N, C-alpha and C. Protein backbone atom coordinates (compact mmCIF):
# COMPACT_ATOMS: atom_id res chain seq x y z
N UNK A 1 -1.44 -11.08 -1.01
CA UNK A 1 -0.15 -11.16 -1.65
C UNK A 1 0.94 -11.58 -0.66
N UNK A 2 0.86 -11.13 0.57
CA UNK A 2 1.90 -11.41 1.56
C UNK A 2 1.42 -12.36 2.65
N UNK A 3 0.30 -13.04 2.42
CA UNK A 3 -0.27 -13.89 3.46
C UNK A 3 0.70 -14.98 3.91
N UNK A 4 1.37 -15.62 2.97
CA UNK A 4 2.32 -16.68 3.32
C UNK A 4 3.75 -16.29 2.98
N UNK A 5 4.04 -15.02 2.99
CA UNK A 5 5.36 -14.50 2.64
C UNK A 5 6.34 -14.76 3.77
N UNK A 6 7.52 -15.26 3.43
CA UNK A 6 8.54 -15.45 4.46
C UNK A 6 9.90 -15.04 3.89
N UNK A 7 10.72 -14.42 4.70
CA UNK A 7 12.03 -13.94 4.26
C UNK A 7 12.90 -15.09 3.78
N UNK A 8 12.83 -16.21 4.45
CA UNK A 8 13.68 -17.34 4.13
C UNK A 8 13.37 -17.94 2.76
N UNK A 9 12.09 -18.07 2.43
CA UNK A 9 11.69 -18.74 1.20
C UNK A 9 11.47 -17.82 0.01
N UNK A 10 11.05 -16.59 0.23
CA UNK A 10 10.61 -15.75 -0.87
C UNK A 10 11.60 -14.67 -1.32
N UNK A 11 12.61 -14.35 -0.52
CA UNK A 11 13.58 -13.32 -0.90
C UNK A 11 14.74 -13.97 -1.65
N UNK A 12 15.07 -13.39 -2.82
CA UNK A 12 16.14 -13.95 -3.64
C UNK A 12 17.42 -13.14 -3.57
N UNK A 13 17.32 -11.80 -3.64
CA UNK A 13 18.54 -10.98 -3.64
C UNK A 13 18.26 -9.60 -3.06
N UNK A 14 19.33 -8.97 -2.62
CA UNK A 14 19.28 -7.60 -2.09
C UNK A 14 20.35 -6.79 -2.82
N UNK A 15 20.00 -5.60 -3.27
CA UNK A 15 20.93 -4.76 -4.01
C UNK A 15 20.77 -3.31 -3.57
N UNK A 16 21.89 -2.63 -3.38
CA UNK A 16 21.84 -1.20 -3.08
C UNK A 16 21.45 -0.46 -4.35
N UNK A 17 20.60 0.55 -4.20
CA UNK A 17 20.13 1.34 -5.33
C UNK A 17 21.07 2.52 -5.53
N UNK A 18 21.50 2.73 -6.80
CA UNK A 18 22.38 3.86 -7.12
C UNK A 18 21.65 5.17 -6.84
N UNK A 19 22.40 6.20 -6.54
CA UNK A 19 21.78 7.50 -6.21
C UNK A 19 21.00 8.06 -7.39
N UNK A 20 21.46 7.84 -8.62
CA UNK A 20 20.73 8.35 -9.79
C UNK A 20 19.38 7.62 -9.94
N UNK A 21 19.37 6.33 -9.68
CA UNK A 21 18.13 5.56 -9.74
C UNK A 21 17.21 5.98 -8.60
N UNK A 22 17.82 6.26 -7.45
CA UNK A 22 17.06 6.70 -6.27
C UNK A 22 16.34 8.02 -6.56
N UNK A 23 17.03 8.95 -7.24
CA UNK A 23 16.39 10.23 -7.61
C UNK A 23 15.21 9.99 -8.54
N UNK A 24 15.38 9.12 -9.53
CA UNK A 24 14.29 8.79 -10.45
C UNK A 24 13.12 8.15 -9.74
N UNK A 25 13.43 7.30 -8.78
CA UNK A 25 12.40 6.63 -7.98
C UNK A 25 11.59 7.65 -7.18
N UNK A 26 12.27 8.64 -6.61
CA UNK A 26 11.58 9.70 -5.86
C UNK A 26 10.60 10.44 -6.76
N UNK A 27 11.04 10.76 -8.00
CA UNK A 27 10.17 11.47 -8.94
C UNK A 27 8.94 10.63 -9.29
N UNK A 28 9.13 9.32 -9.50
CA UNK A 28 7.99 8.45 -9.79
C UNK A 28 7.01 8.39 -8.62
N UNK A 29 7.56 8.34 -7.41
CA UNK A 29 6.69 8.30 -6.22
C UNK A 29 5.89 9.58 -6.08
N UNK A 30 6.52 10.73 -6.34
CA UNK A 30 5.83 12.02 -6.25
C UNK A 30 4.76 12.12 -7.35
N UNK A 31 5.07 11.57 -8.52
CA UNK A 31 4.09 11.57 -9.61
C UNK A 31 2.87 10.73 -9.23
N UNK A 32 3.10 9.59 -8.60
CA UNK A 32 2.00 8.71 -8.20
C UNK A 32 1.26 9.24 -6.96
N UNK A 33 2.01 9.78 -6.01
CA UNK A 33 1.43 10.32 -4.76
C UNK A 33 1.90 11.77 -4.59
N UNK A 34 1.22 12.74 -5.22
CA UNK A 34 1.68 14.15 -5.21
C UNK A 34 1.88 14.74 -3.81
N UNK A 35 1.12 14.28 -2.82
CA UNK A 35 1.25 14.83 -1.47
C UNK A 35 2.56 14.42 -0.80
N UNK A 36 3.31 13.50 -1.38
CA UNK A 36 4.60 13.08 -0.82
C UNK A 36 5.71 14.10 -1.07
N UNK A 37 5.45 15.06 -1.95
CA UNK A 37 6.50 15.99 -2.36
C UNK A 37 7.18 16.68 -1.17
N UNK A 38 6.41 17.08 -0.18
CA UNK A 38 6.98 17.80 0.97
C UNK A 38 7.75 16.90 1.93
N UNK A 39 7.51 15.59 1.89
CA UNK A 39 8.15 14.69 2.86
C UNK A 39 9.05 13.63 2.22
N UNK A 40 9.21 13.66 0.89
CA UNK A 40 9.96 12.61 0.21
C UNK A 40 11.41 12.53 0.69
N UNK A 41 12.01 13.69 1.00
CA UNK A 41 13.40 13.66 1.49
C UNK A 41 13.49 13.15 2.92
N UNK A 42 12.40 13.17 3.64
CA UNK A 42 12.36 12.57 4.97
C UNK A 42 12.20 11.05 4.86
N UNK A 43 11.45 10.62 3.87
CA UNK A 43 11.23 9.18 3.65
C UNK A 43 12.48 8.53 3.06
N UNK A 44 13.02 9.16 2.01
CA UNK A 44 14.23 8.66 1.36
C UNK A 44 15.25 9.79 1.36
N UNK A 45 16.06 9.90 2.43
CA UNK A 45 17.06 10.98 2.53
C UNK A 45 18.11 10.88 1.42
N UNK A 46 18.65 12.03 1.03
CA UNK A 46 19.65 12.06 -0.04
C UNK A 46 20.87 11.21 0.31
N UNK A 47 21.28 11.22 1.53
CA UNK A 47 22.47 10.47 1.95
C UNK A 47 22.14 9.03 2.37
N UNK A 48 20.87 8.69 2.42
CA UNK A 48 20.47 7.35 2.84
C UNK A 48 20.69 6.32 1.74
N UNK A 49 20.80 5.07 2.13
CA UNK A 49 20.99 3.99 1.17
C UNK A 49 19.71 3.18 1.03
N UNK A 50 19.09 3.32 -0.13
CA UNK A 50 17.89 2.55 -0.44
C UNK A 50 18.33 1.18 -0.96
N UNK A 51 17.61 0.15 -0.55
CA UNK A 51 17.92 -1.22 -0.95
C UNK A 51 16.70 -1.80 -1.66
N UNK A 52 16.94 -2.46 -2.79
CA UNK A 52 15.86 -3.17 -3.47
C UNK A 52 16.04 -4.66 -3.18
N UNK A 53 14.94 -5.26 -2.73
CA UNK A 53 14.95 -6.68 -2.38
C UNK A 53 14.07 -7.40 -3.40
N UNK A 54 14.69 -8.26 -4.18
CA UNK A 54 13.98 -9.02 -5.22
C UNK A 54 13.40 -10.28 -4.60
N UNK A 55 12.13 -10.53 -4.86
CA UNK A 55 11.43 -11.67 -4.29
C UNK A 55 10.81 -12.51 -5.40
N UNK A 56 10.18 -13.60 -5.01
CA UNK A 56 9.50 -14.45 -5.99
C UNK A 56 8.36 -13.69 -6.66
N UNK A 57 7.95 -14.18 -7.81
CA UNK A 57 6.83 -13.61 -8.57
C UNK A 57 7.04 -12.17 -8.99
N UNK A 58 8.28 -11.82 -9.34
CA UNK A 58 8.60 -10.46 -9.85
C UNK A 58 8.21 -9.36 -8.87
N UNK A 59 8.37 -9.61 -7.61
CA UNK A 59 8.03 -8.64 -6.57
C UNK A 59 9.30 -7.96 -6.09
N UNK A 60 9.29 -6.62 -6.01
CA UNK A 60 10.43 -5.86 -5.51
C UNK A 60 10.02 -5.08 -4.28
N UNK A 61 10.79 -5.21 -3.21
CA UNK A 61 10.57 -4.43 -2.00
C UNK A 61 11.64 -3.35 -1.94
N UNK A 62 11.26 -2.13 -1.61
CA UNK A 62 12.21 -1.03 -1.47
C UNK A 62 12.31 -0.69 0.01
N UNK A 63 13.52 -0.86 0.56
CA UNK A 63 13.70 -0.70 2.01
C UNK A 63 14.81 0.31 2.31
N UNK A 64 14.69 0.93 3.47
CA UNK A 64 15.72 1.83 3.97
C UNK A 64 15.73 1.70 5.49
N UNK A 65 16.93 1.66 6.05
CA UNK A 65 17.08 1.54 7.51
C UNK A 65 16.30 0.34 8.05
N UNK A 66 16.41 -0.79 7.38
CA UNK A 66 15.79 -2.05 7.80
C UNK A 66 14.26 -2.00 7.85
N UNK A 67 13.65 -1.13 7.06
CA UNK A 67 12.19 -1.05 7.01
C UNK A 67 11.73 -0.92 5.58
N UNK A 68 10.80 -1.77 5.18
CA UNK A 68 10.25 -1.71 3.82
C UNK A 68 9.38 -0.45 3.71
N UNK A 69 9.66 0.35 2.66
CA UNK A 69 8.90 1.57 2.43
C UNK A 69 7.80 1.36 1.40
N UNK A 70 8.17 0.71 0.29
CA UNK A 70 7.24 0.48 -0.81
C UNK A 70 7.49 -0.90 -1.37
N UNK A 71 6.51 -1.41 -2.09
CA UNK A 71 6.76 -2.60 -2.89
C UNK A 71 6.14 -2.40 -4.26
N UNK A 72 6.60 -3.19 -5.21
CA UNK A 72 6.11 -3.07 -6.58
C UNK A 72 6.09 -4.47 -7.19
N UNK A 73 5.00 -4.83 -7.81
CA UNK A 73 4.89 -6.10 -8.51
C UNK A 73 5.12 -5.84 -9.99
N UNK A 74 6.19 -6.39 -10.52
CA UNK A 74 6.61 -6.20 -11.90
C UNK A 74 6.69 -4.70 -12.20
N UNK A 75 5.87 -4.16 -13.12
CA UNK A 75 5.89 -2.72 -13.41
C UNK A 75 4.61 -2.04 -12.98
N UNK A 76 3.89 -2.65 -12.06
CA UNK A 76 2.67 -2.05 -11.52
C UNK A 76 3.01 -0.80 -10.72
N UNK A 77 2.01 -0.04 -10.29
CA UNK A 77 2.28 1.14 -9.45
C UNK A 77 2.94 0.73 -8.12
N UNK A 78 3.66 1.66 -7.54
CA UNK A 78 4.26 1.44 -6.22
C UNK A 78 3.15 1.37 -5.17
N UNK A 79 3.34 0.51 -4.19
CA UNK A 79 2.38 0.38 -3.10
C UNK A 79 3.13 0.64 -1.80
N UNK A 80 2.71 1.63 -1.02
CA UNK A 80 3.41 1.92 0.24
C UNK A 80 3.15 0.83 1.28
N UNK A 81 4.11 0.64 2.16
CA UNK A 81 3.91 -0.32 3.25
C UNK A 81 3.00 0.32 4.30
N UNK A 82 2.38 -0.51 5.10
CA UNK A 82 1.50 0.00 6.15
C UNK A 82 2.26 0.86 7.15
N UNK A 83 3.50 0.46 7.45
CA UNK A 83 4.29 1.23 8.42
C UNK A 83 4.55 2.64 7.90
N UNK A 84 4.76 2.79 6.60
CA UNK A 84 4.96 4.12 6.00
C UNK A 84 3.65 4.90 6.04
N UNK A 85 2.55 4.24 5.75
CA UNK A 85 1.25 4.92 5.80
C UNK A 85 0.93 5.39 7.22
N UNK A 86 1.30 4.62 8.21
CA UNK A 86 1.06 5.03 9.59
C UNK A 86 1.85 6.29 9.94
N UNK A 87 3.03 6.47 9.35
CA UNK A 87 3.85 7.66 9.62
C UNK A 87 3.38 8.88 8.83
N UNK A 88 2.91 8.66 7.60
CA UNK A 88 2.55 9.77 6.71
C UNK A 88 1.15 9.56 6.13
N UNK A 89 0.18 9.39 6.98
CA UNK A 89 -1.19 9.04 6.57
C UNK A 89 -1.82 10.07 5.63
N UNK A 90 -1.53 11.33 5.81
CA UNK A 90 -2.17 12.38 5.00
C UNK A 90 -1.67 12.42 3.56
N UNK A 91 -0.62 11.69 3.26
CA UNK A 91 -0.02 11.73 1.92
C UNK A 91 -0.62 10.74 0.94
N UNK A 92 -1.50 9.88 1.41
CA UNK A 92 -2.05 8.83 0.56
C UNK A 92 -3.57 8.89 0.53
N UNK A 93 -4.19 8.60 -0.63
CA UNK A 93 -5.65 8.56 -0.67
C UNK A 93 -6.15 7.41 0.20
N UNK A 94 -7.32 7.59 0.79
CA UNK A 94 -7.81 6.54 1.69
C UNK A 94 -9.32 6.35 1.55
N UNK A 95 -9.75 5.16 1.96
CA UNK A 95 -11.16 4.82 2.04
C UNK A 95 -11.39 4.23 3.43
N UNK A 96 -12.64 4.22 3.86
CA UNK A 96 -12.98 3.65 5.17
C UNK A 96 -14.00 2.54 4.97
N UNK A 97 -13.75 1.40 5.62
CA UNK A 97 -14.69 0.28 5.55
C UNK A 97 -15.48 0.21 6.85
N UNK A 98 -16.63 -0.48 6.80
CA UNK A 98 -17.43 -0.62 8.02
C UNK A 98 -16.80 -1.67 8.95
N UNK A 99 -17.25 -1.68 10.18
CA UNK A 99 -16.68 -2.59 11.20
C UNK A 99 -16.77 -4.06 10.81
N UNK A 100 -17.81 -4.43 10.10
CA UNK A 100 -18.02 -5.82 9.73
C UNK A 100 -16.96 -6.38 8.79
N UNK A 101 -16.26 -5.50 8.09
CA UNK A 101 -15.25 -5.96 7.12
C UNK A 101 -13.89 -6.22 7.76
N UNK A 102 -13.67 -5.73 8.97
CA UNK A 102 -12.33 -5.78 9.59
C UNK A 102 -11.79 -7.20 9.67
N UNK A 103 -12.54 -8.13 10.22
CA UNK A 103 -12.02 -9.49 10.42
C UNK A 103 -11.71 -10.17 9.09
N UNK A 104 -12.47 -9.86 8.04
CA UNK A 104 -12.22 -10.46 6.74
C UNK A 104 -10.95 -9.89 6.10
N UNK A 105 -10.77 -8.58 6.24
CA UNK A 105 -9.58 -7.94 5.68
C UNK A 105 -8.32 -8.46 6.38
N UNK A 106 -8.39 -8.60 7.70
CA UNK A 106 -7.23 -9.07 8.45
C UNK A 106 -6.91 -10.54 8.18
N UNK A 107 -7.84 -11.24 7.55
CA UNK A 107 -7.54 -12.62 7.15
C UNK A 107 -7.15 -12.68 5.67
N UNK A 108 -7.02 -11.53 5.03
CA UNK A 108 -6.51 -11.46 3.67
C UNK A 108 -7.54 -11.34 2.57
N UNK A 109 -8.79 -11.14 2.90
CA UNK A 109 -9.84 -11.05 1.87
C UNK A 109 -9.82 -9.69 1.16
N UNK A 110 -10.25 -9.70 -0.09
CA UNK A 110 -10.44 -8.44 -0.81
C UNK A 110 -11.69 -7.76 -0.27
N UNK A 111 -11.85 -6.48 -0.58
CA UNK A 111 -12.96 -5.71 -0.02
C UNK A 111 -14.09 -5.61 -1.02
N UNK A 112 -15.24 -6.02 -0.58
CA UNK A 112 -16.44 -5.98 -1.42
C UNK A 112 -17.05 -4.57 -1.39
N UNK A 113 -17.71 -4.20 -2.46
CA UNK A 113 -18.32 -2.87 -2.58
C UNK A 113 -19.27 -2.54 -1.42
N UNK A 114 -20.15 -3.48 -0.97
CA UNK A 114 -21.04 -3.12 0.13
C UNK A 114 -20.29 -2.72 1.42
N UNK A 115 -19.10 -3.23 1.62
CA UNK A 115 -18.31 -2.84 2.79
C UNK A 115 -17.77 -1.42 2.69
N UNK A 116 -17.83 -0.85 1.48
CA UNK A 116 -17.36 0.52 1.26
C UNK A 116 -18.50 1.53 1.17
N UNK A 117 -19.73 1.03 1.04
CA UNK A 117 -20.86 1.94 0.85
C UNK A 117 -21.87 1.91 1.98
N UNK A 118 -21.74 0.96 2.89
CA UNK A 118 -22.72 0.84 3.98
C UNK A 118 -22.50 1.93 5.03
N UNK A 119 -23.40 1.97 6.01
CA UNK A 119 -23.30 2.94 7.09
C UNK A 119 -22.00 2.67 7.86
N UNK A 120 -21.24 3.72 8.13
CA UNK A 120 -19.96 3.57 8.82
C UNK A 120 -18.78 3.59 7.87
N UNK A 121 -19.01 3.24 6.63
CA UNK A 121 -17.95 3.26 5.62
C UNK A 121 -17.94 4.64 4.95
N UNK A 122 -16.83 4.98 4.30
CA UNK A 122 -16.74 6.27 3.63
C UNK A 122 -15.80 6.19 2.44
N UNK A 123 -16.28 6.69 1.32
CA UNK A 123 -15.45 6.84 0.12
C UNK A 123 -15.16 8.32 -0.04
N UNK A 124 -14.04 8.70 -0.65
CA UNK A 124 -13.74 10.12 -0.81
C UNK A 124 -14.77 10.81 -1.71
N UNK A 125 -14.94 12.12 -1.50
CA UNK A 125 -15.89 12.89 -2.30
C UNK A 125 -15.47 12.94 -3.77
N UNK A 126 -14.16 13.13 -4.01
CA UNK A 126 -13.69 13.18 -5.39
C UNK A 126 -13.55 11.75 -5.91
N UNK A 127 -13.78 11.58 -7.20
CA UNK A 127 -13.70 10.25 -7.80
C UNK A 127 -12.24 9.81 -7.93
N UNK A 128 -11.93 8.63 -7.44
CA UNK A 128 -10.60 8.05 -7.61
C UNK A 128 -10.71 7.00 -8.71
N UNK A 129 -9.82 7.04 -9.72
CA UNK A 129 -9.92 6.08 -10.82
C UNK A 129 -9.52 4.66 -10.41
N UNK A 130 -9.98 3.69 -11.18
CA UNK A 130 -9.59 2.29 -10.97
C UNK A 130 -8.07 2.20 -11.08
N UNK A 131 -7.48 1.35 -10.25
CA UNK A 131 -6.02 1.20 -10.25
C UNK A 131 -5.32 2.08 -9.24
N UNK A 132 -6.04 3.00 -8.61
CA UNK A 132 -5.45 3.88 -7.59
C UNK A 132 -5.13 3.07 -6.34
N UNK A 133 -3.94 3.28 -5.80
CA UNK A 133 -3.54 2.62 -4.56
C UNK A 133 -4.10 3.44 -3.40
N UNK A 134 -4.80 2.77 -2.48
CA UNK A 134 -5.44 3.47 -1.37
C UNK A 134 -5.10 2.82 -0.03
N UNK A 135 -5.05 3.67 0.99
CA UNK A 135 -4.94 3.18 2.36
C UNK A 135 -6.36 2.83 2.81
N UNK A 136 -6.48 1.74 3.53
CA UNK A 136 -7.80 1.28 3.96
C UNK A 136 -7.92 1.43 5.47
N UNK A 137 -8.83 2.30 5.88
CA UNK A 137 -9.07 2.52 7.30
C UNK A 137 -10.36 1.82 7.69
N UNK A 138 -10.54 1.61 8.97
CA UNK A 138 -11.76 0.96 9.45
C UNK A 138 -12.57 1.95 10.28
N UNK A 139 -13.86 1.78 10.24
CA UNK A 139 -14.78 2.61 11.01
C UNK A 139 -14.36 2.62 12.49
N UNK A 140 -14.16 3.82 13.04
CA UNK A 140 -13.82 3.95 14.45
C UNK A 140 -12.35 3.77 14.77
N UNK A 141 -11.51 3.49 13.79
CA UNK A 141 -10.07 3.30 14.02
C UNK A 141 -9.31 4.47 13.43
N UNK A 142 -8.13 4.76 14.01
CA UNK A 142 -7.36 5.92 13.58
C UNK A 142 -6.30 5.59 12.53
N UNK A 143 -5.80 4.36 12.52
CA UNK A 143 -4.73 4.02 11.59
C UNK A 143 -5.22 3.00 10.57
N UNK A 144 -4.51 2.94 9.45
CA UNK A 144 -4.88 2.03 8.37
C UNK A 144 -4.67 0.58 8.77
N UNK A 145 -5.55 -0.30 8.29
CA UNK A 145 -5.38 -1.72 8.56
C UNK A 145 -4.95 -2.47 7.32
N UNK A 146 -4.99 -1.83 6.15
CA UNK A 146 -4.57 -2.49 4.92
C UNK A 146 -4.27 -1.45 3.84
N UNK A 147 -3.66 -1.94 2.77
CA UNK A 147 -3.40 -1.14 1.59
C UNK A 147 -3.86 -1.96 0.40
N UNK A 148 -4.51 -1.30 -0.55
CA UNK A 148 -5.00 -2.04 -1.70
C UNK A 148 -5.12 -1.17 -2.93
N UNK A 149 -5.58 -1.80 -4.01
CA UNK A 149 -5.73 -1.13 -5.29
C UNK A 149 -7.19 -1.20 -5.70
N UNK A 150 -7.75 -0.05 -6.08
CA UNK A 150 -9.15 0.00 -6.51
C UNK A 150 -9.35 -0.82 -7.78
N UNK A 151 -10.34 -1.68 -7.78
CA UNK A 151 -10.68 -2.49 -8.96
C UNK A 151 -11.57 -1.67 -9.90
N UNK A 152 -12.39 -0.82 -9.33
CA UNK A 152 -13.23 0.08 -10.13
C UNK A 152 -13.15 1.47 -9.49
N UNK A 153 -13.50 2.51 -10.26
CA UNK A 153 -13.41 3.84 -9.68
C UNK A 153 -14.47 4.02 -8.59
N UNK A 154 -14.25 5.00 -7.72
CA UNK A 154 -15.12 5.14 -6.55
C UNK A 154 -16.56 5.50 -6.92
N UNK A 155 -16.77 6.24 -7.99
CA UNK A 155 -18.14 6.54 -8.42
C UNK A 155 -18.86 5.26 -8.86
N UNK A 156 -18.14 4.38 -9.52
CA UNK A 156 -18.72 3.10 -9.96
C UNK A 156 -19.02 2.21 -8.75
N UNK A 157 -18.15 2.24 -7.74
CA UNK A 157 -18.41 1.46 -6.51
C UNK A 157 -19.72 1.91 -5.88
N UNK A 158 -19.93 3.22 -5.81
CA UNK A 158 -21.17 3.75 -5.22
C UNK A 158 -22.39 3.35 -6.04
N UNK A 159 -22.24 3.36 -7.37
CA UNK A 159 -23.36 3.07 -8.26
C UNK A 159 -23.68 1.57 -8.33
N UNK A 160 -22.68 0.73 -8.54
CA UNK A 160 -22.89 -0.70 -8.73
C UNK A 160 -23.15 -1.41 -7.40
N UNK A 161 -22.32 -1.15 -6.40
CA UNK A 161 -22.45 -1.70 -5.05
C UNK A 161 -22.51 -3.23 -5.03
N UNK A 162 -21.77 -3.86 -5.95
CA UNK A 162 -21.68 -5.33 -6.00
C UNK A 162 -20.27 -5.71 -6.43
N UNK A 163 -19.81 -6.86 -5.95
CA UNK A 163 -18.52 -7.38 -6.38
C UNK A 163 -17.36 -6.81 -5.58
N UNK A 164 -16.16 -7.12 -6.05
CA UNK A 164 -14.94 -6.68 -5.37
C UNK A 164 -14.64 -5.24 -5.74
N UNK A 165 -14.45 -4.40 -4.74
CA UNK A 165 -14.14 -2.99 -4.96
C UNK A 165 -12.66 -2.70 -4.84
N UNK A 166 -11.98 -3.40 -3.91
CA UNK A 166 -10.55 -3.17 -3.68
C UNK A 166 -9.84 -4.51 -3.54
N UNK A 167 -8.75 -4.65 -4.27
CA UNK A 167 -7.88 -5.81 -4.14
C UNK A 167 -6.84 -5.47 -3.07
N UNK A 168 -6.87 -6.19 -1.96
CA UNK A 168 -5.96 -5.91 -0.84
C UNK A 168 -4.59 -6.47 -1.16
N UNK A 169 -3.56 -5.63 -0.98
CA UNK A 169 -2.18 -6.06 -1.23
C UNK A 169 -1.49 -6.51 0.03
N UNK A 170 -1.63 -5.73 1.09
CA UNK A 170 -1.00 -6.04 2.36
C UNK A 170 -1.91 -5.58 3.50
N UNK A 171 -1.85 -6.28 4.63
CA UNK A 171 -2.69 -5.91 5.77
C UNK A 171 -1.92 -6.14 7.06
N UNK A 172 -2.43 -5.62 8.15
CA UNK A 172 -1.80 -5.80 9.45
C UNK A 172 -1.60 -7.28 9.73
N UNK A 173 -0.42 -7.64 10.18
CA UNK A 173 -0.15 -9.01 10.59
C UNK A 173 0.26 -9.96 9.48
N UNK A 174 0.34 -9.51 8.24
CA UNK A 174 0.75 -10.42 7.17
C UNK A 174 2.28 -10.51 7.10
N UNK A 175 2.79 -11.19 6.09
CA UNK A 175 4.23 -11.41 5.97
C UNK A 175 5.04 -10.15 5.81
N UNK A 176 4.52 -9.15 5.10
CA UNK A 176 5.24 -7.89 4.93
C UNK A 176 5.28 -7.10 6.23
N UNK A 177 4.18 -7.09 6.96
CA UNK A 177 4.11 -6.37 8.24
C UNK A 177 5.15 -6.92 9.21
N UNK A 178 5.30 -8.22 9.26
CA UNK A 178 6.20 -8.82 10.24
C UNK A 178 7.61 -9.07 9.70
N UNK A 179 7.87 -8.67 8.45
CA UNK A 179 9.18 -8.88 7.83
C UNK A 179 10.25 -8.04 8.51
N UNK A 180 11.35 -8.67 8.86
CA UNK A 180 12.49 -7.95 9.43
C UNK A 180 13.60 -7.93 8.40
N UNK A 181 13.85 -6.75 7.82
CA UNK A 181 14.88 -6.58 6.80
C UNK A 181 16.18 -6.26 7.52
N UNK A 182 17.19 -7.01 7.20
CA UNK A 182 18.49 -6.78 7.86
C UNK A 182 19.51 -6.30 6.88
């Protein structure tokens, strides 16, 4: 999604978010990611100014203090930025891919089921439904290398073990990672 993203060509407008809308946004984020409840005021402080950045293809970036926190495509679920996941890793569901998938993910490829079920990879014990936004970690690495959305639930990934398991939204080194919001 952000492979060829550039601030100059893809950003259309920036708008400050009203405090009432900001409160509603916090509630939606907590509903989607329940573990954020304890840290949501640290992520989006009450006195802070959240900015929504409208981009091409109905994409909205939510930024604070010159850093993108979340993005949303049209009315899809919110997707946290990698920088936010690196700060609050325990607040988001995650999966681990094997070492062989790293170079493909960093070049923007979606994640195939065998990369999630092979030796070195790990799926959570509890079933995550399709459409869940997950942080993607790599075997032997401590921080996430991508964020994506499950195409099928994790039990189905284990059972079928074929096809695309996760649609990658953003990864290390893409346009969102290197975006400087001013």
